[in-house]
Amino acid sequence: MNKTYTTTVKAEVFDGSDEMMSHYPIRHYSHAWGESWFLDIPSRLTPGQNNPSDLLKGQYIVTNSNGCVFNMWPNDFYDLFPEVEK
């Protein structure tokens, strides 16, 4: 059975800037071999606990109507939201 849902999300392409890191729960690490970022995603199973998700430049940071954030690759984002302007 197929269902149709309507929702509003906020999405931004992650660029690694300090400004974006100040708006989202992102942890940044600098290493001798480069930089890495992690997006802290709230756990659905354990309230108050966050699960770190690897975050790369070019991925979308998506905020749903409840304020939860998650990251998506551009092709997955456009598959899920085909009406979005590229």
PDB file of N, CA and C in Angstrom:
ATOM      1  N   MET A   1       0.835  -1.158   0.000  1.00  0.00           N
ATOM      2  CA  MET A   1       0.000   0.000   0.000  1.00  0.00           C
ATOM      3  C   MET A   1       0.897   1.243   0.000  1.00  0.00           C
ATOM      4  N   ASN A   2       0.675   2.133  -0.933  1.00  0.00           N
ATOM      5  CA  ASN A   2       1.436   3.377  -1.014  1.00  0.00           C
ATOM      6  C   ASN A   2       0.686   4.484  -0.294  1.00  0.00           C
ATOM      7  N   LYS A   3       1.417   5.271   0.442  1.00  0.00           N
ATOM      8  CA  LYS A   3       0.843   6.426   1.116  1.00  0.00           C
ATOM      9  C   LYS A   3       1.597   7.659   0.663  1.00  0.00           C
ATOM     10  N   THR A   4       0.921   8.768   0.623  1.00  0.00           N
ATOM     11  CA  THR A   4       1.538  10.035   0.277  1.00  0.00           C
ATOM     12  C   THR A   4       1.614  10.902   1.527  1.00  0.00           C
ATOM     13  N   TYR A   5       2.784  11.485   1.745  1.00  0.00           N
ATOM     14  CA  TYR A   5       2.994  12.337   2.904  1.00  0.00           C
ATOM     15  C   TYR A   5       3.395  13.728   2.434  1.00  0.00           C
ATOM     16  N   THR A   6       3.007  14.700   3.198  1.00  0.00           N
ATOM     17  CA  THR A   6       3.414  16.074   2.947  1.00  0.00           C
ATOM     18  C   THR A   6       4.136  16.568   4.199  1.00  0.00           C
ATOM     19  N   THR A   7       5.304  17.152   3.989  1.00  0.00           N
ATOM     20  CA  THR A   7       6.068  17.646   5.130  1.00  0.00           C
ATOM     21  C   THR A   7       6.892  18.849   4.704  1.00  0.00           C
ATOM     22  N   THR A   8       7.358  19.577   5.661  1.00  0.00           N
ATOM     23  CA  THR A   8       8.244  20.704   5.404  1.00  0.00           C
ATOM     24  C   THR A   8       9.569  20.409   6.084  1.00  0.00           C
ATOM     25  N   VAL A   9      10.645  20.550   5.327  1.00  0.00           N
ATOM     26  CA  VAL A   9      11.981  20.359   5.882  1.00  0.00           C
ATOM     27  C   VAL A   9      12.845  21.552   5.499  1.00  0.00           C
ATOM     28  N   LYS A  10      13.869  21.770   6.292  1.00  0.00           N
ATOM     29  CA  LYS A  10      14.885  22.774   5.973  1.00  0.00           C
ATOM     30  C   LYS A  10      16.125  21.993   5.582  1.00  0.00           C
ATOM     31  N   ALA A  11      16.756  22.364   4.497  1.00  0.00           N
ATOM     32  CA  ALA A  11      17.943  21.636   4.048  1.00  0.00           C
ATOM     33  C   ALA A  11      19.014  22.618   3.604  1.00  0.00           C
ATOM     34  N   GLU A  12      20.242  22.330   4.004  1.00  0.00           N
ATOM     35  CA  GLU A  12      21.400  23.127   3.602  1.00  0.00           C
ATOM     36  C   GLU A  12      22.523  22.187   3.208  1.00  0.00           C
ATOM     37  N   VAL A  13      23.292  22.592   2.205  1.00  0.00           N
ATOM     38  CA  VAL A  13      24.457  21.817   1.808  1.00  0.00           C
ATOM     39  C   VAL A  13      25.596  22.158   2.763  1.00  0.00           C
ATOM     40  N   PHE A  14      26.177  21.135   3.376  1.00  0.00           N
ATOM     41  CA  PHE A  14      27.260  21.354   4.328  1.00  0.00           C
ATOM     42  C   PHE A  14      28.533  21.735   3.591  1.00  0.00           C
ATOM     43  N   ASP A  15      29.129  22.865   4.025  1.00  0.00           N
ATOM     44  CA  ASP A  15      30.349  23.359   3.373  1.00  0.00           C
ATOM     45  C   ASP A  15      31.563  23.385   4.302  1.00  0.00           C
ATOM     46  N   GLY A  16      31.390  22.941   5.538  1.00  0.00           N
ATOM     47  CA  GLY A  16      32.514  22.908   6.473  1.00  0.00           C
ATOM     48  C   GLY A  16      32.803  24.230   7.156  1.00  0.00           C
ATOM     49  N   SER A  17      31.967  25.235   6.936  1.00  0.00           N
ATOM     50  CA  SER A  17      32.231  26.563   7.499  1.00  0.00           C
ATOM     51  C   SER A  17      31.933  26.611   8.992  1.00  0.00           C
ATOM     52  N   ASP A  18      32.599  27.539   9.664  1.00  0.00           N
ATOM     53  CA  ASP A  18      32.361  27.762  11.096  1.00  0.00           C
ATOM     54  C   ASP A  18      30.920  28.196  11.335  1.00  0.00           C
ATOM     55  N   GLU A  19      30.356  28.950  10.408  1.00  0.00           N
ATOM     56  CA  GLU A  19      28.976  29.412  10.548  1.00  0.00           C
ATOM     57  C   GLU A  19      28.008  28.228  10.604  1.00  0.00           C
ATOM     58  N   MET A  20      28.185  27.275   9.698  1.00  0.00           N
ATOM     59  CA  MET A  20      27.296  26.104   9.713  1.00  0.00           C
ATOM     60  C   MET A  20      27.495  25.284  10.979  1.00  0.00           C
ATOM     61  N   MET A  21      28.745  25.182  11.421  1.00  0.00           N
ATOM     62  CA  MET A  21      29.007  24.405  12.625  1.00  0.00           C
ATOM     63  C   MET A  21      28.385  25.067  13.859  1.00  0.00           C
ATOM     64  N   SER A  22      28.176  26.378  13.811  1.00  0.00           N
ATOM     65  CA  SER A  22      27.557  27.060  14.944  1.00  0.00           C
ATOM     66  C   SER A  22      26.034  26.876  14.955  1.00  0.00           C
ATOM     67  N   HIS A  23      25.450  26.493  13.812  1.00  0.00           N
ATOM     68  CA  HIS A  23      23.994  26.321  13.719  1.00  0.00           C
ATOM     69  C   HIS A  23      23.524  24.893  13.960  1.00  0.00           C
ATOM     70  N   TYR A  24      24.408  23.938  13.873  1.00  0.00           N
ATOM     71  CA  TYR A  24      24.034  22.523  13.972  1.00  0.00           C
ATOM     72  C   TYR A  24      24.929  21.805  14.981  1.00  0.00           C
ATOM     73  N   PRO A  25      24.463  20.644  15.490  1.00  0.00           N
ATOM     74  CA  PRO A  25      25.285  19.883  16.450  1.00  0.00           C
ATOM     75  C   PRO A  25      26.397  19.106  15.737  1.00  0.00           C
ATOM     76  N   ILE A  26      27.430  19.833  15.323  1.00  0.00           N
ATOM     77  CA  ILE A  26      28.523  19.250  14.545  1.00  0.00           C
ATOM     78  C   ILE A  26      29.802  19.287  15.367  1.00  0.00           C
ATOM     79  N   ARG A  27      30.518  18.174  15.352  1.00  0.00           N
ATOM     80  CA  ARG A  27      31.847  18.116  15.966  1.00  0.00           C
ATOM     81  C   ARG A  27      32.886  18.069  14.857  1.00  0.00           C
ATOM     82  N   HIS A  28      33.964  18.800  15.028  1.00  0.00           N
ATOM     83  CA  HIS A  28      35.014  18.919  14.017  1.00  0.00           C
ATOM     84  C   HIS A  28      36.339  18.458  14.596  1.00  0.00           C
ATOM     85  N   TYR A  29      37.077  17.686  13.804  1.00  0.00           N
ATOM     86  CA  TYR A  29      38.402  17.223  14.209  1.00  0.00           C
ATOM     87  C   TYR A  29      39.383  17.498  13.090  1.00  0.00           C
ATOM     88  N   SER A  30      40.544  18.015  13.447  1.00  0.00           N
ATOM     89  CA  SER A  30      41.635  18.198  12.493  1.00  0.00           C
ATOM     90  C   SER A  30      42.687  17.145  12.771  1.00  0.00           C
ATOM     91  N   HIS A  31      43.135  16.493  11.714  1.00  0.00           N
ATOM     92  CA  HIS A  31      44.142  15.444  11.823  1.00  0.00           C
ATOM     93  C   HIS A  31      45.292  15.778  10.884  1.00  0.00           C
ATOM     94  N   ALA A  32      46.371  15.079  11.035  1.00  0.00           N
ATOM     95  CA  ALA A  32      47.510  15.264  10.131  1.00  0.00           C
ATOM     96  C   ALA A  32      47.112  14.934   8.692  1.00  0.00           C
ATOM     97  N   TRP A  33      46.132  14.055   8.511  1.00  0.00           N
ATOM     98  CA  TRP A  33      45.723  13.630   7.166  1.00  0.00           C
ATOM     99  C   TRP A  33      44.473  14.347   6.667  1.00  0.00           C
ATOM    100  N   GLY A  34      43.965  15.319   7.425  1.00  0.00           N
ATOM    101  CA  GLY A  34      42.818  16.098   6.951  1.00  0.00           C
ATOM    102  C   GLY A  34      41.869  16.457   8.072  1.00  0.00           C
ATOM    103  N   GLU A  35      40.650  16.756   7.687  1.00  0.00           N
ATOM    104  CA  GLU A  35      39.614  17.155   8.630  1.00  0.00           C
ATOM    105  C   GLU A  35      38.470  16.154   8.575  1.00  0.00           C
ATOM    106  N   SER A  36      37.753  16.061   9.674  1.00  0.00           N
ATOM    107  CA  SER A  36      36.546  15.239   9.685  1.00  0.00           C
ATOM    108  C   SER A  36      35.489  15.918  10.551  1.00  0.00           C
ATOM    109  N   TRP A  37      34.240  15.654  10.205  1.00  0.00           N
ATOM    110  CA  TRP A  37      33.104  16.231  10.912  1.00  0.00           C
ATOM    111  C   TRP A  37      32.127  15.120  11.250  1.00  0.00           C
ATOM    112  N   PHE A  38      31.411  15.316  12.353  1.00  0.00           N
ATOM    113  CA  PHE A  38      30.381  14.378  12.773  1.00  0.00           C
ATOM    114  C   PHE A  38      29.143  15.167  13.152  1.00  0.00           C
ATOM    115  N   LEU A  39      27.997  14.730  12.663  1.00  0.00           N
ATOM    116  CA  LEU A  39      26.717  15.335  13.006  1.00  0.00           C
ATOM    117  C   LEU A  39      26.113  14.486  14.120  1.00  0.00           C
ATOM    118  N   ASP A  40      25.821  15.109  15.251  1.00  0.00           N
ATOM    119  CA  ASP A  40      25.208  14.390  16.367  1.00  0.00           C
ATOM    120  C   ASP A  40      23.705  14.291  16.132  1.00  0.00           C
ATOM    121  N   ILE A  41      23.258  13.069  15.885  1.00  0.00           N
ATOM    122  CA  ILE A  41      21.842  12.809  15.616  1.00  0.00           C
ATOM    123  C   ILE A  41      21.222  12.214  16.877  1.00  0.00           C
ATOM    124  N   PRO A  42      20.117  12.802  17.373  1.00  0.00           N
ATOM    125  CA  PRO A  42      19.486  12.276  18.583  1.00  0.00           C
ATOM    126  C   PRO A  42      19.048  10.821  18.404  1.00  0.00           C
ATOM    127  N   SER A  43      19.304  10.003  19.404  1.00  0.00           N
ATOM    128  CA  SER A  43      18.917   8.598  19.380  1.00  0.00           C
ATOM    129  C   SER A  43      17.415   8.463  19.568  1.00  0.00           C
ATOM    130  N   ARG A  44      16.804   7.616  18.774  1.00  0.00           N
ATOM    131  CA  ARG A  44      15.368   7.354  18.942  1.00  0.00           C
ATOM    132  C   ARG A  44      15.129   6.368  20.073  1.00  0.00           C
ATOM    133  N   LEU A  45      16.125   5.556  20.377  1.00  0.00           N
ATOM    134  CA  LEU A  45      15.958   4.513  21.389  1.00  0.00           C
ATOM    135  C   LEU A  45      16.335   4.977  22.791  1.00  0.00           C
ATOM    136  N   THR A  46      17.326   5.865  22.879  1.00  0.00           N
ATOM    137  CA  THR A  46      17.799   6.325  24.182  1.00  0.00           C
ATOM    138  C   THR A  46      17.707   7.847  24.240  1.00  0.00           C
ATOM    139  N   PRO A  47      16.647   8.386  24.846  1.00  0.00           N
ATOM    140  CA  PRO A  47      16.507   9.841  24.939  1.00  0.00           C
ATOM    141  C   PRO A  47      17.720  10.469  25.630  1.00  0.00           C
ATOM    142  N   GLY A  48      18.162  11.589  25.116  1.00  0.00           N
ATOM    143  CA  GLY A  48      19.302  12.295  25.685  1.00  0.00           C
ATOM    144  C   GLY A  48      20.643  11.829  25.147  1.00  0.00           C
ATOM    145  N   GLN A  49      20.654  10.764  24.374  1.00  0.00           N
ATOM    146  CA  GLN A  49      21.899  10.256  23.790  1.00  0.00           C
ATOM    147  C   GLN A  49      21.947  10.614  22.312  1.00  0.00           C
ATOM    148  N   ASN A  50      23.141  10.953  21.835  1.00  0.00           N
ATOM    149  CA  ASN A  50      23.328  11.275  20.419  1.00  0.00           C
ATOM    150  C   ASN A  50      24.167  10.202  19.744  1.00  0.00           C
ATOM    151  N   ASN A  51      23.864   9.968  18.485  1.00  0.00           N
ATOM    152  CA  ASN A  51      24.648   9.048  17.678  1.00  0.00           C
ATOM    153  C   ASN A  51      25.408   9.861  16.644  1.00  0.00           C
ATOM    154  N   PRO A  52      26.739   9.795  16.636  1.00  0.00           N
ATOM    155  CA  PRO A  52      27.505  10.556  15.657  1.00  0.00           C
ATOM    156  C   PRO A  52      27.390   9.927  14.269  1.00  0.00           C
ATOM    157  N   SER A  53      27.176  10.764  13.279  1.00  0.00           N
ATOM    158  CA  SER A  53      27.114  10.322  11.886  1.00  0.00           C
ATOM    159  C   SER A  53      28.180  11.072  11.099  1.00  0.00           C
ATOM    160  N   ASP A  54      28.986  10.338  10.335  1.00  0.00           N
ATOM    161  CA  ASP A  54      30.006  10.991   9.507  1.00  0.00           C
ATOM    162  C   ASP A  54      29.346  12.034   8.616  1.00  0.00           C
ATOM    163  N   LEU A  55      29.956  13.192   8.548  1.00  0.00           N
ATOM    164  CA  LEU A  55      29.429  14.287   7.737  1.00  0.00           C
ATOM    165  C   LEU A  55      30.524  14.753   6.795  1.00  0.00           C
ATOM    166  N   LEU A  56      30.204  14.819   5.526  1.00  0.00           N
ATOM    167  CA  LEU A  56      31.177  15.238   4.508  1.00  0.00           C
ATOM    168  C   LEU A  56      30.672  16.479   3.791  1.00  0.00           C
ATOM    169  N   LYS A  57      31.613  17.275   3.315  1.00  0.00           N
ATOM    170  CA  LYS A  57      31.226  18.455   2.534  1.00  0.00           C
ATOM    171  C   LYS A  57      30.401  17.991   1.333  1.00  0.00           C
ATOM    172  N   GLY A  58      29.338  18.732   1.045  1.00  0.00           N
ATOM    173  CA  GLY A  58      28.458  18.406  -0.078  1.00  0.00           C
ATOM    174  C   GLY A  58      27.217  17.639   0.329  1.00  0.00           C
ATOM    175  N   GLN A  59      27.208  17.079   1.536  1.00  0.00           N
ATOM    176  CA  GLN A  59      26.008  16.405   2.009  1.00  0.00           C
ATOM    177  C   GLN A  59      24.992  17.446   2.465  1.00  0.00           C
ATOM    178  N   TYR A  60      23.726  17.051   2.423  1.00  0.00           N
ATOM    179  CA  TYR A  60      22.668  17.915   2.923  1.00  0.00           C
ATOM    180  C   TYR A  60      22.475  17.677   4.408  1.00  0.00           C
ATOM    181  N   ILE A  61      22.324  18.755   5.164  1.00  0.00           N
ATOM    182  CA  ILE A  61      21.871  18.671   6.546  1.00  0.00           C
ATOM    183  C   ILE A  61      20.394  19.025   6.498  1.00  0.00           C
ATOM    184  N   VAL A  62      19.569  18.075   6.896  1.00  0.00           N
ATOM    185  CA  VAL A  62      18.117  18.222   6.802  1.00  0.00           C
ATOM    186  C   VAL A  62      17.545  18.329   8.212  1.00  0.00           C
ATOM    187  N   THR A  63      16.686  19.322   8.419  1.00  0.00           N
ATOM    188  CA  THR A  63      15.994  19.501   9.689  1.00  0.00           C
ATOM    189  C   THR A  63      14.513  19.288   9.443  1.00  0.00           C
ATOM    190  N   ASN A  64      13.913  18.331  10.166  1.00  0.00           N
ATOM    191  CA  ASN A  64      12.486  18.085   9.957  1.00  0.00           C
ATOM    192  C   ASN A  64      11.644  19.027  10.806  1.00  0.00           C
ATOM    193  N   SER A  65      10.334  18.882  10.715  1.00  0.00           N
ATOM    194  CA  SER A  65       9.432  19.810  11.414  1.00  0.00           C
ATOM    195  C   SER A  65       9.522  19.678  12.933  1.00  0.00           C
ATOM    196  N   ASN A  66      10.064  18.556  13.439  1.00  0.00           N
ATOM    197  CA  ASN A  66      10.248  18.378  14.887  1.00  0.00           C
ATOM    198  C   ASN A  66      11.573  18.928  15.381  1.00  0.00           C
ATOM    199  N   GLY A  67      12.413  19.414  14.460  1.00  0.00           N
ATOM    200  CA  GLY A  67      13.709  19.955  14.833  1.00  0.00           C
ATOM    201  C   GLY A  67      14.840  18.935  14.846  1.00  0.00           C
ATOM    202  N   CYS A  68      14.544  17.691  14.475  1.00  0.00           N
ATOM    203  CA  CYS A  68      15.589  16.663  14.408  1.00  0.00           C
ATOM    204  C   CYS A  68      16.406  16.859  13.134  1.00  0.00           C
ATOM    205  N   VAL A  69      17.710  16.643  13.249  1.00  0.00           N
ATOM    206  CA  VAL A  69      18.589  16.796  12.096  1.00  0.00           C
ATOM    207  C   VAL A  69      19.138  15.450  11.653  1.00  0.00           C
ATOM    208  N   PHE A  70      19.402  15.345  10.374  1.00  0.00           N
ATOM    209  CA  PHE A  70      20.065  14.176   9.818  1.00  0.00           C
ATOM    210  C   PHE A  70      20.751  14.609   8.541  1.00  0.00           C
ATOM    211  N   ASN A  71      21.676  13.783   8.067  1.00  0.00           N
ATOM    212  CA  ASN A  71      22.409  14.137   6.857  1.00  0.00           C
ATOM    213  C   ASN A  71      22.055  13.159   5.739  1.00  0.00           C
ATOM    214  N   MET A  72      22.087  13.679   4.513  1.00  0.00           N
ATOM    215  CA  MET A  72      21.738  12.891   3.334  1.00  0.00           C
ATOM    216  C   MET A  72      22.685  13.232   2.196  1.00  0.00           C
ATOM    217  N   TRP A  73      22.980  12.234   1.379  1.00  0.00           N
ATOM    218  CA  TRP A  73      23.717  12.485   0.146  1.00  0.00           C
ATOM    219  C   TRP A  73      22.797  13.199  -0.836  1.00  0.00           C
ATOM    220  N   PRO A  74      23.334  14.056  -1.714  1.00  0.00           N
ATOM    221  CA  PRO A  74      22.485  14.801  -2.645  1.00  0.00           C
ATOM    222  C   PRO A  74      21.567  13.918  -3.482  1.00  0.00           C
ATOM    223  N   ASN A  75      22.072  12.796  -4.003  1.00  0.00           N
ATOM    224  CA  ASN A  75      21.208  11.955  -4.835  1.00  0.00           C
ATOM    225  C   ASN A  75      20.041  11.380  -4.033  1.00  0.00           C
ATOM    226  N   ASP A  76      20.259  11.017  -2.772  1.00  0.00           N
ATOM    227  CA  ASP A  76      19.168  10.529  -1.930  1.00  0.00           C
ATOM    228  C   ASP A  76      18.178  11.646  -1.623  1.00  0.00           C
ATOM    229  N   PHE A  77      18.696  12.837  -1.368  1.00  0.00           N
ATOM    230  CA  PHE A  77      17.830  13.983  -1.078  1.00  0.00           C
ATOM    231  C   PHE A  77      16.931  14.283  -2.270  1.00  0.00           C
ATOM    232  N   TYR A  78      17.488  14.314  -3.477  1.00  0.00           N
ATOM    233  CA  TYR A  78      16.690  14.623  -4.669  1.00  0.00           C
ATOM    234  C   TYR A  78      15.744  13.485  -5.024  1.00  0.00           C
ATOM    235  N   ASP A  79      16.090  12.233  -4.689  1.00  0.00           N
ATOM    236  CA  ASP A  79      15.155  11.127  -4.900  1.00  0.00           C
ATOM    237  C   ASP A  79      13.951  11.252  -3.972  1.00  0.00           C
ATOM    238  N   LEU A  80      14.205  11.675  -2.734  1.00  0.00           N
ATOM    239  CA  LEU A  80      13.130  11.811  -1.756  1.00  0.00           C
ATOM    240  C   LEU A  80      12.308  13.069  -1.971  1.00  0.00           C
ATOM    241  N   PHE A  81      12.971  14.136  -2.410  1.00  0.00           N
ATOM    242  CA  PHE A  81      12.289  15.424  -2.636  1.00  0.00           C
ATOM    243  C   PHE A  81      12.539  15.880  -4.076  1.00  0.00           C
ATOM    244  N   PRO A  82      11.913  15.233  -5.059  1.00  0.00           N
ATOM    245  CA  PRO A  82      12.181  15.566  -6.460  1.00  0.00           C
ATOM    246  C   PRO A  82      11.729  16.970  -6.871  1.00  0.00           C
ATOM    247  N   GLU A  83      10.823  17.567  -6.096  1.00  0.00           N
ATOM    248  CA  GLU A  83      10.308  18.887  -6.444  1.00  0.00           C
ATOM    249  C   GLU A  83      11.276  20.016  -6.089  1.00  0.00           C
ATOM    250  N   VAL A  84      12.359  19.697  -5.383  1.00  0.00           N
ATOM    251  CA  VAL A  84      13.320  20.714  -4.961  1.00  0.00           C
ATOM    252  C   VAL A  84      14.117  21.204  -6.161  1.00  0.00           C
ATOM    253  N   GLU A  85      14.355  22.510  -6.195  1.00  0.00           N
ATOM    254  CA  GLU A  85      15.166  23.086  -7.260  1.00  0.00           C
ATOM    255  C   GLU A  85      16.626  22.718  -7.046  1.00  0.00           C
ATOM    256  N   LYS A  86      17.275  22.286  -8.099  1.00  0.00           N
ATOM    257  CA  LYS A  86      18.691  21.901  -8.005  1.00  0.00           C
ATOM    258  C   LYS A  86      19.575  23.092  -8.276  1.00  0.00           C
TER     259      LYS A  86
END
